[in-house]
C-alpha atoms as a PDB file:
ATOM      1  CA  MET A   1      -0.851 -61.156 -31.611  1.00  0.00           C
ATOM      2  CA  LYS A   2      -3.013 -59.091 -33.903  1.00  0.00           C
ATOM      3  CA  THR A   3      -3.145 -60.034 -37.519  1.00  0.00           C
ATOM      4  CA  PRO A   4      -2.174 -57.093 -39.697  1.00  0.00           C
ATOM      5  CA  ARG A   5      -4.852 -55.555 -41.864  1.00  0.00           C
ATOM      6  CA  PHE A   6      -3.868 -54.498 -45.333  1.00  0.00           C
ATOM      7  CA  SER A   7      -5.720 -51.893 -47.275  1.00  0.00           C
ATOM      8  CA  PRO A   8      -6.823 -52.765 -50.811  1.00  0.00           C
ATOM      9  CA  ARG A   9      -4.458 -50.100 -52.098  1.00  0.00           C
ATOM     10  CA  ALA A  10      -1.481 -51.701 -50.316  1.00  0.00           C
ATOM     11  CA  LEU A  11      -2.380 -55.111 -51.692  1.00  0.00           C
ATOM     12  CA  ALA A  12      -2.738 -53.646 -55.186  1.00  0.00           C
ATOM     13  CA  ASN A  13       0.710 -52.037 -54.894  1.00  0.00           C
ATOM     14  CA  LEU A  14       2.161 -55.324 -53.683  1.00  0.00           C
ATOM     15  CA  ALA A  15       0.589 -57.154 -56.612  1.00  0.00           C
ATOM     16  CA  ARG A  16       1.962 -54.544 -59.042  1.00  0.00           C
ATOM     17  CA  ALA A  17       5.445 -54.874 -57.587  1.00  0.00           C
ATOM     18  CA  LEU A  18       5.296 -58.670 -57.800  1.00  0.00           C
ATOM     19  CA  THR A  19       4.039 -58.529 -61.388  1.00  0.00           C
ATOM     20  CA  ALA A  20       6.776 -56.089 -62.387  1.00  0.00           C
ATOM     21  CA  THR A  21       9.428 -58.253 -60.755  1.00  0.00           C
ATOM     22  CA  VAL A  22       8.262 -61.404 -62.506  1.00  0.00           C
ATOM     23  CA  LEU A  23       7.948 -59.643 -65.882  1.00  0.00           C
ATOM     24  CA  LEU A  24      11.450 -58.206 -65.588  1.00  0.00           C
ATOM     25  CA  ALA A  25      12.764 -61.658 -64.710  1.00  0.00           C
ATOM     26  CA  LEU A  26      10.994 -63.146 -67.711  1.00  0.00           C
ATOM     27  CA  LEU A  27      12.512 -60.470 -69.919  1.00  0.00           C
ATOM     28  CA  ALA A  28      15.942 -61.282 -68.511  1.00  0.00           C
ATOM     29  CA  GLY A  29      15.192 -64.967 -69.085  1.00  0.00           C
ATOM     30  CA  VAL A  30      14.406 -64.387 -72.744  1.00  0.00           C
ATOM     31  CA  ALA A  31      17.554 -62.298 -73.129  1.00  0.00           C
ATOM     32  CA  GLY A  32      19.626 -64.899 -71.277  1.00  0.00           C
ATOM     33  CA  ALA A  33      18.158 -67.938 -73.031  1.00  0.00           C
ATOM     34  CA  ASP A  34      21.245 -68.051 -75.230  1.00  0.00           C
ATOM     35  CA  LEU A  35      23.311 -68.978 -72.201  1.00  0.00           C
ATOM     36  CA  ALA A  36      21.610 -72.381 -72.075  1.00  0.00           C
ATOM     37  CA  PRO A  37      20.849 -73.233 -75.706  1.00  0.00           C
ATOM     38  CA  LYS A  38      19.825 -76.846 -75.025  1.00  0.00           C
ATOM     39  CA  LEU A  39      17.241 -75.806 -72.451  1.00  0.00           C
ATOM     40  CA  PRO A  40      13.771 -75.085 -73.874  1.00  0.00           C
ATOM     41  CA  LEU A  41      12.634 -71.480 -73.638  1.00  0.00           C
ATOM     42  CA  TYR A  42       9.628 -72.301 -71.451  1.00  0.00           C
ATOM     43  CA  ARG A  43      11.938 -73.859 -68.850  1.00  0.00           C
ATOM     44  CA  VAL A  44      14.253 -70.848 -68.864  1.00  0.00           C
ATOM     45  CA  LEU A  45      11.223 -68.602 -68.370  1.00  0.00           C
ATOM     46  CA  LEU A  46       9.887 -70.825 -65.611  1.00  0.00           C
ATOM     47  CA  TYR A  47      13.221 -70.815 -63.774  1.00  0.00           C
ATOM     48  CA  SER A  48      13.607 -67.066 -64.092  1.00  0.00           C
ATOM     49  CA  ALA A  49      10.046 -66.486 -62.840  1.00  0.00           C
ATOM     50  CA  LEU A  50      10.659 -68.783 -59.864  1.00  0.00           C
ATOM     51  CA  ALA A  51      13.948 -67.014 -59.096  1.00  0.00           C
ATOM     52  CA  ALA A  52      12.203 -63.637 -59.239  1.00  0.00           C
ATOM     53  CA  LEU A  53       9.445 -64.867 -56.955  1.00  0.00           C
ATOM     54  CA  ALA A  54      11.989 -66.182 -54.455  1.00  0.00           C
ATOM     55  CA  LEU A  55      13.900 -62.907 -54.542  1.00  0.00           C
ATOM     56  CA  PHE A  56      10.695 -60.903 -54.095  1.00  0.00           C
ATOM     57  CA  LEU A  57       9.640 -63.024 -51.117  1.00  0.00           C
ATOM     58  CA  ALA A  58      13.079 -62.667 -49.547  1.00  0.00           C
ATOM     59  CA  VAL A  59      12.860 -58.878 -49.832  1.00  0.00           C
ATOM     60  CA  VAL A  60       9.356 -58.844 -48.328  1.00  0.00           C
ATOM     61  CA  VAL A  61      10.423 -61.087 -45.421  1.00  0.00           C
ATOM     62  CA  ALA A  62      13.493 -58.909 -44.792  1.00  0.00           C
ATOM     63  CA  ALA A  63      11.320 -55.777 -44.780  1.00  0.00           C
ATOM     64  CA  VAL A  64       8.900 -57.313 -42.280  1.00  0.00           C
ATOM     65  CA  VAL A  65      11.685 -58.534 -39.989  1.00  0.00           C
ATOM     66  CA  LEU A  66      13.527 -55.204 -40.033  1.00  0.00           C
ATOM     67  CA  SER A  67      10.310 -53.250 -39.461  1.00  0.00           C
ATOM     68  CA  THR A  68       9.486 -55.457 -36.487  1.00  0.00           C
ATOM     69  CA  LEU A  69      12.977 -54.995 -35.063  1.00  0.00           C
ATOM     70  CA  TYR A  70      12.834 -51.215 -35.487  1.00  0.00           C
ATOM     71  CA  GLN A  71       9.411 -51.034 -33.837  1.00  0.00           C
ATOM     72  CA  PHE A  72      10.713 -53.118 -30.928  1.00  0.00           C
ATOM     73  CA  VAL A  73      13.674 -50.791 -30.464  1.00  0.00           C
ATOM     74  CA  LEU A  74      11.469 -47.714 -30.490  1.00  0.00           C
ATOM     75  CA  ARG A  75       8.983 -49.251 -28.038  1.00  0.00           C
ATOM     76  CA  LYS A  76      11.798 -50.119 -25.627  1.00  0.00           C
ATOM     77  CA  GLY A  77      13.017 -46.517 -25.505  1.00  0.00           C
ATOM     78  CA  GLY A  78      15.525 -46.466 -28.313  1.00  0.00           C
ATOM     79  CA  THR A  79      16.198 -43.138 -29.931  1.00  0.00           C
ATOM     80  CA  ASP A  80      16.280 -44.257 -33.524  1.00  0.00           C
ATOM     81  CA  PRO A  81      17.258 -47.661 -34.952  1.00  0.00           C
ATOM     82  CA  GLN A  82      19.554 -45.943 -37.450  1.00  0.00           C
ATOM     83  CA  TRP A  83      21.691 -44.751 -34.548  1.00  0.00           C
ATOM     84  CA  PHE A  84      22.831 -48.348 -33.932  1.00  0.00           C
ATOM     85  CA  TRP A  85      25.687 -47.509 -36.290  1.00  0.00           C
ATOM     86  CA  PHE A  86      27.049 -44.913 -33.877  1.00  0.00           C
ATOM     87  CA  SER A  87      28.551 -45.380 -30.437  1.00  0.00           C
ATOM     88  CA  ALA A  88      26.565 -42.643 -28.671  1.00  0.00           C
ATOM     89  CA  GLU A  89      23.312 -40.717 -28.679  1.00  0.00           C
ATOM     90  CA  PRO A  90      22.825 -37.902 -31.190  1.00  0.00           C
ATOM     91  CA  PRO A  91      24.459 -34.635 -30.167  1.00  0.00           C
ATOM     92  CA  GLY A  92      22.353 -32.675 -27.687  1.00  0.00           C
ATOM     93  CA  LEU A  93      19.851 -35.453 -27.020  1.00  0.00           C
ATOM     94  CA  VAL A  94      20.973 -36.028 -23.445  1.00  0.00           C
ATOM     95  CA  GLN A  95      20.424 -32.344 -22.649  1.00  0.00           C
ATOM     96  CA  LEU A  96      17.018 -32.387 -24.332  1.00  0.00           C
ATOM     97  CA  ARG A  97      15.965 -35.396 -22.253  1.00  0.00           C
ATOM     98  CA  GLU A  98      17.111 -33.732 -19.028  1.00  0.00           C
ATOM     99  CA  GLN A  99      15.270 -30.548 -19.953  1.00  0.00           C
ATOM    100  CA  ALA A 100      12.077 -32.475 -20.748  1.00  0.00           C
ATOM    101  CA  LYS A 101      12.376 -34.342 -17.439  1.00  0.00           C
ATOM    102  CA  LYS A 102      12.754 -31.084 -15.494  1.00  0.00           C
ATOM    103  CA  GLU A 103       9.759 -29.568 -17.312  1.00  0.00           C
ATOM    104  CA  ALA A 104       7.656 -32.644 -16.558  1.00  0.00           C
ATOM    105  CA  GLU A 105       8.623 -32.501 -12.882  1.00  0.00           C
ATOM    106  CA  ALA A 106       7.814 -28.784 -12.760  1.00  0.00           C
ATOM    107  CA  ALA A 107       4.421 -29.399 -14.326  1.00  0.00           C
ATOM    108  CA  GLU A 108       3.635 -32.087 -11.729  1.00  0.00           C
ATOM    109  CA  ASP A 109       4.751 -29.999  -8.749  1.00  0.00           C
ATOM    110  CA  PRO A 110       3.801 -26.329  -9.274  1.00  0.00           C
ATOM    111  CA  ALA A 111       5.271 -25.362  -5.841  1.00  0.00           C
ATOM    112  CA  ARG A 112       8.820 -25.607  -7.182  1.00  0.00           C
END
């Protein structure tokens, strides 16, 4: 399996998103420090930063898993992964496929 290559811009955007997530969690930790008055502020901030990091990693893992699933579906001939919610193909797709098949056959055999 190939290892994915990330552009520096993508890594920078990922780092910005992680930083923003952790900073927002720290802000929420400071605001919520009154909920645990006996707990020192540094511990509240540490717990909120760890919770934000765990949430961020869960979102990244979910995005990778769903992207892999959607790519698999498309490679195996699926129309669109979003159509899993419906019981049939999109309207008119069957006719479009038949038309494309006939055109491909006509292009292969010009005698027809």
